[in-house]
Structure formats: structure tokens, C-alpha cells
Amino acid sequence: MKNLIIIVLFPFFITAQETKLNEELIKKSIQWTKVASTGRDYEEAKKFLDENFNSSTFSSNGSPLRIYDKDYFTTPVKYQWINFTTHDHLVQVSPNKNSAVVTFNVDGDYIFKGVKINYAVRVSFFWTKINGEWKKMHSHWSSKSGSVGIPINDR
């Protein structure tokens, strides 16, 4: 009887763990967007990064690959966010549970040169687990069809 209960409950236990992991990665991704995109807070960003490798991004303005380093966060940007929301998150975790991709959409508005710009992009984040903590390795931001990302000359 005991074995039967374990067999019956095991799928529920696995599903609950997967749900918890997905929620953790979505929460981390949302926190990162606030720190990196709208907050520009290097001290907070370092909590998501690992000092042993460079974390990188392809920005939604088509600029060359950028490294998430102190310069990235401390160089002033030429635009100001009005609002910024993420939605439609999808989490894909590797079989060994040490890497994951989180994809989602972002919508918002910012002011650039006195003009309000509607912002709409698709995003993917690559996370890796190091010493039990999820760290950001790479992100890719691309404008949705008919929409714009951040300004080309954003700095």
C-alpha cells in the first residue's frame, strides 16, 4: 500500500518542483529586467552575474554584442522609461537542471529626444546554475514586427 501511494503521488511531487523552478526563473527574469533595463543598477546586477564569465546581450537596437559590466550600467542612456511590463513567460529547463532559457514579451513606452516611443520586443534569457544559484549568461532582445526597440544611439 505504501509503495502504491508513493507511485501515485510521485508525478504530483515532480510537477510541483517544476512549477516552483519555473516560477523562480520567471521571477529572476523580471527582477533582472528591472535592474538592467529600467533601474540601471550595477550593484544589484552583480547579484545576477558570475565574476568568472562575461554575461552578454544583444540589445533590441541591433547594436553589436554588449557585455554586462560596470560600463554597461554606469554609461548614461539617452532615453527615459515611462513604463515597462513583461508577459507570456515560457521556461525551458535542461534535463540536468543546470541551464534554462526563459522567453517572454516586453511592452512599454519611453521618451527619446522629447518624443514618446512605443516599445515592443521579444526576449530570451539564458541562465546557468553555479554553486546552487541561477546566474545570467546571455540575453537577446529583438523588436516585434512593426515595432521598435531602444534607440540606435542609446548612449
C-alpha atoms as a PDB file:
ATOM      1  CA  MET A   1       0.000   0.000   0.000  1.00  0.00           C
ATOM      2  CA  LYS A   2       2.826   2.386   0.921  1.00  0.00           C
ATOM      3  CA  ASN A   3       4.514   1.781  -2.454  1.00  0.00           C
ATOM      4  CA  LEU A   4       1.268   2.439  -4.291  1.00  0.00           C
ATOM      5  CA  ILE A   5       0.853   5.797  -2.540  1.00  0.00           C
ATOM      6  CA  ILE A   6       4.422   6.757  -3.492  1.00  0.00           C
ATOM      7  CA  ILE A   7       3.838   5.789  -7.122  1.00  0.00           C
ATOM      8  CA  VAL A   8       0.595   7.754  -7.266  1.00  0.00           C
ATOM      9  CA  LEU A   9       1.990  10.879  -5.572  1.00  0.00           C
ATOM     10  CA  PHE A  10       5.356  10.957  -7.375  1.00  0.00           C
ATOM     11  CA  PRO A  11       4.076  12.742 -10.531  1.00  0.00           C
ATOM     12  CA  PHE A  12       2.454  15.432  -8.378  1.00  0.00           C
ATOM     13  CA  PHE A  13       5.708  15.956  -6.496  1.00  0.00           C
ATOM     14  CA  ILE A  14       7.704  16.295  -9.752  1.00  0.00           C
ATOM     15  CA  THR A  15       5.151  18.720 -11.229  1.00  0.00           C
ATOM     16  CA  ALA A  16       5.237  20.856  -8.082  1.00  0.00           C
ATOM     17  CA  GLN A  17       9.053  21.038  -8.226  1.00  0.00           C
ATOM     18  CA  GLU A  18       8.971  22.012 -11.917  1.00  0.00           C
ATOM     19  CA  THR A  19       6.370  24.688 -11.223  1.00  0.00           C
ATOM     20  CA  LYS A  20       8.469  26.087  -8.374  1.00  0.00           C
ATOM     21  CA  LEU A  21      11.597  26.179 -10.581  1.00  0.00           C
ATOM     22  CA  ASN A  22       9.696  27.864 -13.425  1.00  0.00           C
ATOM     23  CA  GLU A  23       8.322  30.475 -11.019  1.00  0.00           C
ATOM     24  CA  GLU A  24      11.820  31.119  -9.630  1.00  0.00           C
ATOM     25  CA  LEU A  25      13.277  31.659 -13.106  1.00  0.00           C
ATOM     26  CA  ILE A  26      10.415  33.919 -14.197  1.00  0.00           C
ATOM     27  CA  LYS A  27      10.804  35.967 -11.017  1.00  0.00           C
ATOM     28  CA  LYS A  28      14.571  36.261 -11.594  1.00  0.00           C
ATOM     29  CA  SER A  29      13.981  37.309 -15.203  1.00  0.00           C
ATOM     30  CA  ILE A  30      11.507  40.012 -14.168  1.00  0.00           C
ATOM     31  CA  GLN A  31      13.890  41.242 -11.460  1.00  0.00           C
ATOM     32  CA  TRP A  32      16.741  41.357 -13.988  1.00  0.00           C
ATOM     33  CA  THR A  33      14.723  43.472 -16.429  1.00  0.00           C
ATOM     34  CA  LYS A  34      14.057  45.983 -13.652  1.00  0.00           C
ATOM     35  CA  VAL A  35      17.720  46.071 -12.595  1.00  0.00           C
ATOM     36  CA  ALA A  36      19.275  46.125 -16.059  1.00  0.00           C
ATOM     37  CA  SER A  37      16.732  47.867 -18.265  1.00  0.00           C
ATOM     38  CA  THR A  38      14.874  50.408 -16.197  1.00  0.00           C
ATOM     39  CA  GLY A  39      16.940  50.614 -12.997  1.00  0.00           C
ATOM     40  CA  ARG A  40      20.484  50.607 -14.426  1.00  0.00           C
ATOM     41  CA  ASP A  41      21.753  49.438 -11.025  1.00  0.00           C
ATOM     42  CA  TYR A  42      25.193  47.804 -11.265  1.00  0.00           C
ATOM     43  CA  GLU A  43      25.383  46.768  -7.599  1.00  0.00           C
ATOM     44  CA  GLU A  44      22.057  44.928  -7.895  1.00  0.00           C
ATOM     45  CA  ALA A  45      23.038  43.482 -11.285  1.00  0.00           C
ATOM     46  CA  LYS A  46      26.163  41.871  -9.847  1.00  0.00           C
ATOM     47  CA  LYS A  47      23.898  39.600  -7.769  1.00  0.00           C
ATOM     48  CA  PHE A  48      22.676  38.028 -11.035  1.00  0.00           C
ATOM     49  CA  LEU A  49      26.121  37.743 -12.652  1.00  0.00           C
ATOM     50  CA  ASP A  50      29.096  35.467 -12.059  1.00  0.00           C
ATOM     51  CA  GLU A  51      32.550  37.017 -11.842  1.00  0.00           C
ATOM     52  CA  ASN A  52      34.120  34.018 -13.624  1.00  0.00           C
ATOM     53  CA  PHE A  53      32.496  34.668 -17.015  1.00  0.00           C
ATOM     54  CA  ASN A  54      31.182  37.566 -19.065  1.00  0.00           C
ATOM     55  CA  SER A  55      27.441  37.859 -19.332  1.00  0.00           C
ATOM     56  CA  SER A  56      26.349  39.346 -22.652  1.00  0.00           C
ATOM     57  CA  THR A  57      23.396  40.796 -24.520  1.00  0.00           C
ATOM     58  CA  PHE A  58      22.198  41.613 -27.986  1.00  0.00           C
ATOM     59  CA  SER A  59      20.120  44.765 -27.460  1.00  0.00           C
ATOM     60  CA  SER A  60      16.881  45.480 -29.305  1.00  0.00           C
ATOM     61  CA  ASN A  61      18.551  48.295 -31.279  1.00  0.00           C
ATOM     62  CA  GLY A  62      20.735  45.931 -33.312  1.00  0.00           C
ATOM     63  CA  SER A  63      23.986  47.081 -31.689  1.00  0.00           C
ATOM     64  CA  PRO A  64      26.983  44.730 -31.503  1.00  0.00           C
ATOM     65  CA  LEU A  65      27.225  42.278 -28.640  1.00  0.00           C
ATOM     66  CA  ARG A  66      27.459  44.073 -25.298  1.00  0.00           C
ATOM     67  CA  ILE A  67      28.918  42.782 -22.045  1.00  0.00           C
ATOM     68  CA  TYR A  68      27.017  43.338 -18.812  1.00  0.00           C
ATOM     69  CA  ASP A  69      29.824  45.089 -16.967  1.00  0.00           C
ATOM     70  CA  LYS A  70      30.214  48.253 -14.908  1.00  0.00           C
ATOM     71  CA  ASP A  71      30.397  50.429 -18.058  1.00  0.00           C
ATOM     72  CA  TYR A  72      27.131  48.981 -19.345  1.00  0.00           C
ATOM     73  CA  PHE A  73      25.320  50.058 -16.197  1.00  0.00           C
ATOM     74  CA  THR A  74      27.062  53.359 -15.495  1.00  0.00           C
ATOM     75  CA  THR A  75      27.104  54.868 -19.004  1.00  0.00           C
ATOM     76  CA  PRO A  76      24.047  57.150 -19.129  1.00  0.00           C
ATOM     77  CA  VAL A  77      21.359  56.305 -21.672  1.00  0.00           C
ATOM     78  CA  LYS A  78      19.681  58.971 -23.829  1.00  0.00           C
ATOM     79  CA  TYR A  79      16.135  57.816 -23.209  1.00  0.00           C
ATOM     80  CA  GLN A  80      13.825  57.577 -20.199  1.00  0.00           C
ATOM     81  CA  TRP A  81      11.383  54.775 -19.453  1.00  0.00           C
ATOM     82  CA  ILE A  82       7.739  55.638 -18.840  1.00  0.00           C
ATOM     83  CA  ASN A  83       6.519  52.068 -18.346  1.00  0.00           C
ATOM     84  CA  PHE A  84       7.846  48.568 -18.936  1.00  0.00           C
ATOM     85  CA  THR A  85       5.961  45.264 -18.495  1.00  0.00           C
ATOM     86  CA  THR A  86       6.848  41.637 -19.175  1.00  0.00           C
ATOM     87  CA  HIS A  87       4.333  38.918 -20.079  1.00  0.00           C
ATOM     88  CA  ASP A  88       3.860  35.493 -21.680  1.00  0.00           C
ATOM     89  CA  HIS A  89       6.851  33.892 -19.956  1.00  0.00           C
ATOM     90  CA  LEU A  90       7.921  30.420 -21.077  1.00  0.00           C
ATOM     91  CA  VAL A  91      10.603  28.461 -19.209  1.00  0.00           C
ATOM     92  CA  GLN A  92      12.612  25.607 -20.713  1.00  0.00           C
ATOM     93  CA  VAL A  93      14.982  23.812 -18.338  1.00  0.00           C
ATOM     94  CA  SER A  94      17.718  21.417 -19.435  1.00  0.00           C
ATOM     95  CA  PRO A  95      17.374  17.762 -18.392  1.00  0.00           C
ATOM     96  CA  ASN A  96      20.211  18.122 -15.848  1.00  0.00           C
ATOM     97  CA  LYS A  97      18.501  21.221 -14.368  1.00  0.00           C
ATOM     98  CA  ASN A  98      21.706  23.314 -14.669  1.00  0.00           C
ATOM     99  CA  SER A  99      20.674  25.617 -17.503  1.00  0.00           C
ATOM    100  CA  ALA A 100      17.472  27.239 -18.637  1.00  0.00           C
ATOM    101  CA  VAL A 101      16.038  29.579 -21.232  1.00  0.00           C
ATOM    102  CA  VAL A 102      13.263  31.999 -20.323  1.00  0.00           C
ATOM    103  CA  THR A 103      11.428  33.658 -23.216  1.00  0.00           C
ATOM    104  CA  PHE A 104       8.853  36.420 -22.913  1.00  0.00           C
ATOM    105  CA  ASN A 105       7.463  39.620 -24.397  1.00  0.00           C
ATOM    106  CA  VAL A 106       8.001  43.168 -23.201  1.00  0.00           C
ATOM    107  CA  ASP A 107       5.789  46.157 -23.902  1.00  0.00           C
ATOM    108  CA  GLY A 108       6.294  49.700 -22.761  1.00  0.00           C
ATOM    109  CA  ASP A 109       6.968  53.301 -23.646  1.00  0.00           C
ATOM    110  CA  TYR A 110       9.975  55.570 -23.341  1.00  0.00           C
ATOM    111  CA  ILE A 111      10.865  59.180 -24.129  1.00  0.00           C
ATOM    112  CA  PHE A 112      13.659  59.824 -26.630  1.00  0.00           C
ATOM    113  CA  LYS A 113      14.502  63.353 -27.789  1.00  0.00           C
ATOM    114  CA  GLY A 114      11.191  64.582 -26.381  1.00  0.00           C
ATOM    115  CA  VAL A 115       9.111  62.005 -28.275  1.00  0.00           C
ATOM    116  CA  LYS A 116       7.136  59.180 -26.687  1.00  0.00           C
ATOM    117  CA  ILE A 117       8.100  55.864 -28.334  1.00  0.00           C
ATOM    118  CA  ASN A 118       6.078  52.655 -28.114  1.00  0.00           C
ATOM    119  CA  TYR A 119       8.396  49.760 -27.269  1.00  0.00           C
ATOM    120  CA  ALA A 120       7.583  46.115 -28.015  1.00  0.00           C
ATOM    121  CA  VAL A 121      10.160  43.311 -28.056  1.00  0.00           C
ATOM    122  CA  ARG A 122      10.639  39.571 -27.714  1.00  0.00           C
ATOM    123  CA  VAL A 123      13.260  38.472 -25.212  1.00  0.00           C
ATOM    124  CA  SER A 124      15.225  35.345 -24.373  1.00  0.00           C
ATOM    125  CA  PHE A 125      17.422  34.915 -21.313  1.00  0.00           C
ATOM    126  CA  PHE A 126      19.899  32.098 -20.833  1.00  0.00           C
ATOM    127  CA  TRP A 127      20.505  31.164 -17.191  1.00  0.00           C
ATOM    128  CA  THR A 128      23.046  28.721 -15.765  1.00  0.00           C
ATOM    129  CA  LYS A 129      23.207  27.264 -12.279  1.00  0.00           C
ATOM    130  CA  ILE A 130      26.509  27.845 -10.488  1.00  0.00           C
ATOM    131  CA  ASN A 131      27.009  26.632  -6.918  1.00  0.00           C
ATOM    132  CA  GLY A 132      23.240  26.345  -6.494  1.00  0.00           C
ATOM    133  CA  GLU A 133      22.446  29.858  -7.783  1.00  0.00           C
ATOM    134  CA  TRP A 134      20.982  30.884 -11.142  1.00  0.00           C
ATOM    135  CA  LYS A 135      23.285  33.311 -12.965  1.00  0.00           C
ATOM    136  CA  LYS A 136      22.671  35.273 -16.148  1.00  0.00           C
ATOM    137  CA  MET A 137      24.806  34.235 -19.125  1.00  0.00           C
ATOM    138  CA  HIS A 138      23.143  35.890 -22.108  1.00  0.00           C
ATOM    139  CA  SER A 139      20.078  37.740 -23.313  1.00  0.00           C
ATOM    140  CA  HIS A 140      18.700  38.600 -26.702  1.00  0.00           C
ATOM    141  CA  TRP A 141      16.167  41.377 -27.247  1.00  0.00           C
ATOM    142  CA  SER A 142      14.507  41.740 -30.652  1.00  0.00           C
ATOM    143  CA  SER A 143      11.807  44.144 -31.784  1.00  0.00           C
ATOM    144  CA  LYS A 144       8.428  42.727 -32.627  1.00  0.00           C
ATOM    145  CA  SER A 145       7.338  43.107 -36.233  1.00  0.00           C
ATOM    146  CA  GLY A 146       6.271  46.700 -36.901  1.00  0.00           C
ATOM    147  CA  SER A 147       7.675  47.878 -33.583  1.00  0.00           C
ATOM    148  CA  VAL A 148      10.875  49.426 -32.249  1.00  0.00           C
ATOM    149  CA  GLY A 149      13.405  48.578 -29.587  1.00  0.00           C
ATOM    150  CA  ILE A 150      15.657  51.010 -27.759  1.00  0.00           C
ATOM    151  CA  PRO A 151      17.156  53.898 -29.783  1.00  0.00           C
ATOM    152  CA  ILE A 152      20.086  53.071 -32.072  1.00  0.00           C
ATOM    153  CA  ASN A 153      22.243  55.775 -30.489  1.00  0.00           C
ATOM    154  CA  ASP A 154      21.106  54.948 -26.992  1.00  0.00           C
ATOM    155  CA  ARG A 155      24.307  56.113 -25.226  1.00  0.00           C
END
